[in-house]
């Protein structure tokens, strides 16, 4: 989508009429169903990295529900910087996969999973997530070939865990390395108006554990909740139709 900007000078009557004509011509576009859906309801994104593997992989195209958390500065392209807060605001829930921008870099869209809300204490111990001093339930699954998810030998296998948050949200995580760099952390206490995110590919994700790079995410920086994979291509550019559907 492009934005049309025109400067209308009082003395330039022809420019005024041109601007009026352009606005009139744009009305059908601005109020067309595809425009309204993308602007207010669902925005498409593609997945460029493996930080959310196996839930989301490179080549997936997803819809993010913009209405899920209300509308703020980053909900709309080219929104003015002075906008603050959210209209129809709602906070994310544990386990939601969200699209957002960080306080450190508001030019890039990120996608991660919410594991901590205001007041929560988050810690990683030996690769296991602790929420408010209690270990989050996880069950070991059969190892699978890592492919490119672990950044090494495609024939190597990766450990998988079925992790279930106290809310009931359940999903699969990858554990590429024992005692990895982010497998043991300090306790992070989520401040008011913020949330804490992790990637499902725990050893290959820049997320809230890295305070200097991402840290806590302001609620006002939410863009939407990922709800569905609507298209997917494999490494060869062929359709990956078995991946289409709802996202857990």
Protein backbone atom coordinates (compact mmCIF):
# COMPACT_ATOMS: atom_id res chain seq x y z
CA UNK A 1 0.00 0.00 0.00
CA UNK A 2 1.27 3.45 -0.83
CA UNK A 3 0.42 6.75 0.76
CA UNK A 4 -0.37 9.77 -1.35
CA UNK A 5 0.88 13.04 0.10
CA UNK A 6 0.13 16.35 -1.51
CA UNK A 7 0.86 19.88 -0.37
CA UNK A 8 -2.04 22.17 -1.22
CA UNK A 9 -1.08 25.82 -1.52
CA UNK A 10 -3.81 28.51 -1.31
CA UNK A 11 -2.64 30.12 -4.52
CA UNK A 12 -2.55 26.90 -6.50
CA UNK A 13 -6.21 26.38 -7.27
CA UNK A 14 -5.49 23.70 -9.90
CA UNK A 15 -3.56 21.66 -7.31
CA UNK A 16 -6.54 21.85 -4.96
CA UNK A 17 -8.83 20.44 -7.60
CA UNK A 18 -6.35 17.69 -8.44
CA UNK A 19 -6.16 16.69 -4.78
CA UNK A 20 -9.96 16.61 -4.49
CA UNK A 21 -10.27 14.48 -7.64
CA UNK A 22 -7.61 12.05 -6.38
CA UNK A 23 -9.37 11.69 -3.02
CA UNK A 24 -12.70 11.05 -4.72
CA UNK A 25 -11.10 8.41 -6.94
CA UNK A 26 -9.50 6.76 -3.90
CA UNK A 27 -12.77 6.38 -1.98
CA UNK A 28 -13.76 3.07 -3.66
CA UNK A 29 -10.28 1.69 -2.98
CA UNK A 30 -10.14 2.79 0.65
CA UNK A 31 -13.56 1.29 1.35
CA UNK A 32 -13.08 -1.85 -0.71
CA UNK A 33 -13.33 -5.15 1.23
CA UNK A 34 -9.69 -6.22 0.58
CA UNK A 35 -8.35 -2.90 1.83
CA UNK A 36 -10.57 -2.88 4.92
CA UNK A 37 -9.68 -6.50 5.78
CA UNK A 38 -5.93 -5.84 5.57
CA UNK A 39 -6.12 -2.47 7.30
CA UNK A 40 -8.38 -3.39 10.20
CA UNK A 41 -8.70 -7.18 10.52
CA UNK A 42 -5.92 -9.41 9.15
CA UNK A 43 -2.44 -8.54 7.94
CA UNK A 44 -0.27 -11.05 6.06
CA UNK A 45 3.35 -11.69 7.02
CA UNK A 46 5.98 -14.10 5.77
CA UNK A 47 8.42 -15.94 8.05
CA UNK A 48 12.06 -15.15 7.15
CA UNK A 49 13.91 -17.05 9.91
CA UNK A 50 13.78 -20.29 11.89
CA UNK A 51 13.43 -18.80 15.38
CA UNK A 52 9.87 -20.16 15.72
CA UNK A 53 10.60 -23.63 14.31
CA UNK A 54 8.84 -26.06 14.39
CA UNK A 55 5.62 -24.01 14.79
CA UNK A 56 6.53 -21.56 12.03
CA UNK A 57 9.24 -22.21 9.46
CA UNK A 58 10.97 -20.25 6.73
CA UNK A 59 8.59 -20.05 3.78
CA UNK A 60 5.38 -19.87 5.82
CA UNK A 61 2.92 -17.06 5.17
CA UNK A 62 0.66 -16.22 8.07
CA UNK A 63 -2.28 -14.00 8.95
CA UNK A 64 -2.08 -11.84 12.07
CA UNK A 65 -5.41 -10.75 13.57
CA UNK A 66 -4.96 -7.02 14.16
CA UNK A 67 -8.17 -6.66 16.16
CA UNK A 68 -7.07 -9.21 18.79
CA UNK A 69 -5.23 -6.68 20.96
CA UNK A 70 -6.72 -3.41 19.77
CA UNK A 71 -5.17 -0.77 17.56
CA UNK A 72 -2.12 1.36 18.25
CA UNK A 73 0.72 3.20 16.57
CA UNK A 74 2.11 0.10 14.84
CA UNK A 75 -1.23 -1.27 13.69
CA UNK A 76 -1.27 0.89 10.58
CA UNK A 77 1.44 1.72 8.04
CA UNK A 78 2.86 5.23 8.24
CA UNK A 79 1.02 6.06 11.47
CA UNK A 80 2.35 9.29 13.06
CA UNK A 81 4.92 8.88 15.82
CA UNK A 82 2.93 10.93 18.35
CA UNK A 83 0.22 8.25 18.63
CA UNK A 84 0.36 6.42 21.97
CA UNK A 85 -1.75 3.77 23.67
CA UNK A 86 -4.22 1.41 22.03
CA UNK A 87 -7.89 1.65 21.13
CA UNK A 88 -10.04 -1.37 22.11
CA UNK A 89 -6.98 -2.67 23.95
CA UNK A 90 -6.69 -6.28 25.12
CA UNK A 91 -3.59 -7.96 26.52
CA UNK A 92 -2.16 -11.14 24.99
CA UNK A 93 -2.60 -14.49 26.72
CA UNK A 94 0.02 -17.07 27.65
CA UNK A 95 1.06 -19.02 24.57
CA UNK A 96 -0.14 -16.50 22.00
CA UNK A 97 2.09 -16.09 18.96
CA UNK A 98 2.31 -12.36 18.38
CA UNK A 99 3.67 -9.91 15.83
CA UNK A 100 5.23 -6.85 17.41
CA UNK A 101 8.00 -4.28 17.28
CA UNK A 102 10.60 -3.88 19.97
CA UNK A 103 11.38 -0.75 21.92
CA UNK A 104 14.94 -0.97 20.59
CA UNK A 105 14.06 -1.24 16.89
CA UNK A 106 10.63 -0.05 15.79
CA UNK A 107 11.39 -0.53 12.08
CA UNK A 108 11.25 -4.36 12.09
CA UNK A 109 8.32 -6.73 12.67
CA UNK A 110 9.07 -9.71 14.93
CA UNK A 111 7.11 -12.87 15.69
CA UNK A 112 7.51 -14.81 18.98
CA UNK A 113 5.46 -16.60 21.63
CA UNK A 114 4.22 -14.86 24.79
CA UNK A 115 5.32 -16.67 27.97
CA UNK A 116 5.27 -13.83 30.50
CA UNK A 117 2.81 -11.07 31.42
CA UNK A 118 3.16 -8.05 33.76
CA UNK A 119 4.43 -9.07 37.20
CA UNK A 120 5.58 -12.55 36.13
CA UNK A 121 9.01 -13.90 36.99
CA UNK A 122 10.66 -15.72 34.09
CA UNK A 123 13.78 -17.85 34.17
CA UNK A 124 15.48 -20.59 32.15
CA UNK A 125 17.18 -23.38 34.10
CA UNK A 126 19.04 -26.08 32.15
CA UNK A 127 16.87 -25.36 29.15
CA UNK A 128 13.56 -25.55 31.02
CA UNK A 129 11.23 -22.59 31.34
CA UNK A 130 10.26 -21.51 34.86
CA UNK A 131 7.22 -19.27 35.35
CA UNK A 132 6.84 -17.65 38.77
CA UNK A 133 9.38 -20.05 40.26
CA UNK A 134 7.58 -23.15 38.99
CA UNK A 135 8.81 -25.31 36.11
CA UNK A 136 6.55 -25.25 33.09
CA UNK A 137 5.38 -28.77 32.26
CA UNK A 138 7.21 -30.36 29.36
CA UNK A 139 7.24 -33.87 27.90
CA UNK A 140 10.02 -35.26 25.73
CA UNK A 141 9.03 -36.20 22.18
CA UNK A 142 10.82 -38.31 19.60
CA UNK A 143 13.89 -36.66 18.11
CA UNK A 144 13.70 -35.61 14.47
CA UNK A 145 16.18 -34.47 11.84
CA UNK A 146 17.03 -30.84 12.47
CA UNK A 147 17.34 -29.74 8.86
CA UNK A 148 18.42 -26.09 8.89
CA UNK A 149 16.73 -25.34 12.23
CA UNK A 150 19.88 -25.80 14.30
CA UNK A 151 22.26 -24.19 11.83
CA UNK A 152 24.49 -27.23 11.49
CA UNK A 153 24.48 -30.66 9.89
CA UNK A 154 21.13 -31.34 8.22
CA UNK A 155 21.49 -35.01 9.19
CA UNK A 156 21.82 -34.20 12.91
CA UNK A 157 18.82 -34.79 15.14
CA UNK A 158 17.18 -32.29 17.46
CA UNK A 159 15.48 -32.83 20.80
CA UNK A 160 11.80 -31.87 20.96
CA UNK A 161 9.62 -31.02 23.93
CA UNK A 162 5.87 -30.64 24.28
CA UNK A 163 5.61 -27.61 26.56
CA UNK A 164 2.32 -26.73 28.30
CA UNK A 165 1.78 -23.44 30.07
CA UNK A 166 -0.52 -23.14 33.14
CA UNK A 167 -3.15 -21.57 30.86
CA UNK A 168 -3.36 -24.84 28.90
CA UNK A 169 -1.53 -23.51 25.83
CA UNK A 170 0.56 -26.38 24.46
CA UNK A 171 3.15 -26.39 21.69
CA UNK A 172 6.40 -28.06 20.57
CA UNK A 173 9.86 -26.55 21.12
CA UNK A 174 13.25 -27.45 19.70
CA UNK A 175 16.32 -27.96 21.91
CA UNK A 176 19.35 -27.93 19.60
CA UNK A 177 22.12 -27.76 22.20
CA UNK A 178 22.44 -29.01 25.76
CA UNK A 179 23.41 -26.16 28.11
CA UNK A 180 23.20 -23.60 25.34
CA UNK A 181 24.01 -19.92 25.80
CA UNK A 182 20.44 -19.03 26.84
CA UNK A 183 19.57 -22.26 28.67
CA UNK A 184 20.41 -20.71 32.05
CA UNK A 185 19.41 -17.13 32.82
CA UNK A 186 18.79 -14.74 35.65
CA UNK A 187 15.22 -14.14 36.82
CA UNK A 188 13.40 -11.59 34.66
CA UNK A 189 10.50 -9.73 36.30
CA UNK A 190 8.12 -8.40 33.65
CA UNK A 191 7.35 -4.71 34.29
CA UNK A 192 3.84 -3.18 34.04
CA UNK A 193 2.63 -2.61 30.50
CA UNK A 194 5.03 -5.16 29.00
CA UNK A 195 5.24 -8.85 28.12
CA UNK A 196 7.99 -11.45 27.70
CA UNK A 197 8.51 -13.55 24.55
CA UNK A 198 10.48 -16.64 23.55
CA UNK A 199 11.07 -18.36 20.24
CA UNK A 200 10.05 -22.01 19.99
CA UNK A 201 13.50 -22.79 18.57
CA UNK A 202 15.06 -22.03 21.93
CA UNK A 203 18.75 -22.20 21.01
CA UNK A 204 18.33 -20.16 17.82
CA UNK A 205 16.12 -17.27 18.82
CA UNK A 206 16.82 -13.65 19.68
CA UNK A 207 14.07 -12.93 22.19
CA UNK A 208 13.34 -11.35 25.58
CA UNK A 209 16.14 -13.34 27.22
CA UNK A 210 18.56 -11.02 25.43
CA UNK A 211 17.95 -7.74 27.21
CA UNK A 212 20.45 -5.78 25.13
CA UNK A 213 18.89 -6.92 21.84
CA UNK A 214 15.17 -7.25 22.59
CA UNK A 215 14.18 -7.35 26.25
CA UNK A 216 10.64 -6.75 27.48
CA UNK A 217 8.07 -5.80 24.83
CA UNK A 218 5.72 -2.84 25.43
CA UNK A 219 2.04 -3.72 25.06
CA UNK A 220 1.65 -0.67 22.82
CA UNK A 221 4.03 -2.28 20.30
CA UNK A 222 1.68 -5.18 19.53
CA UNK A 223 0.53 -5.53 15.92
CA UNK A 224 -1.54 -8.72 15.99
CA UNK A 225 -1.99 -12.36 16.92
CA UNK A 226 -0.86 -15.03 14.46
CA UNK A 227 -3.86 -17.25 13.78
CA UNK A 228 -3.30 -19.21 10.59
CA UNK A 229 -0.73 -20.32 8.01
CA UNK A 230 -2.41 -19.53 4.70
CA UNK A 231 0.46 -20.47 2.38
CA UNK A 232 3.85 -22.16 2.63
CA UNK A 233 6.75 -22.91 0.32
CA UNK A 234 9.60 -25.36 0.95
CA UNK A 235 13.30 -24.74 0.24
CA UNK A 236 12.75 -25.52 -3.45
CA UNK A 237 9.88 -23.08 -3.78
CA UNK A 238 7.27 -25.83 -4.01
CA UNK A 239 3.95 -25.56 -2.13
CA UNK A 240 4.06 -27.05 1.38
CA UNK A 241 0.31 -27.65 1.63
CA UNK A 242 0.47 -29.91 4.70
CA UNK A 243 1.50 -26.88 6.76
CA UNK A 244 -1.61 -24.87 5.99
CA UNK A 245 -4.09 -24.30 8.81
CA UNK A 246 -4.45 -22.91 12.30
CA UNK A 247 -1.41 -22.13 14.40
CA UNK A 248 -1.17 -23.50 17.95
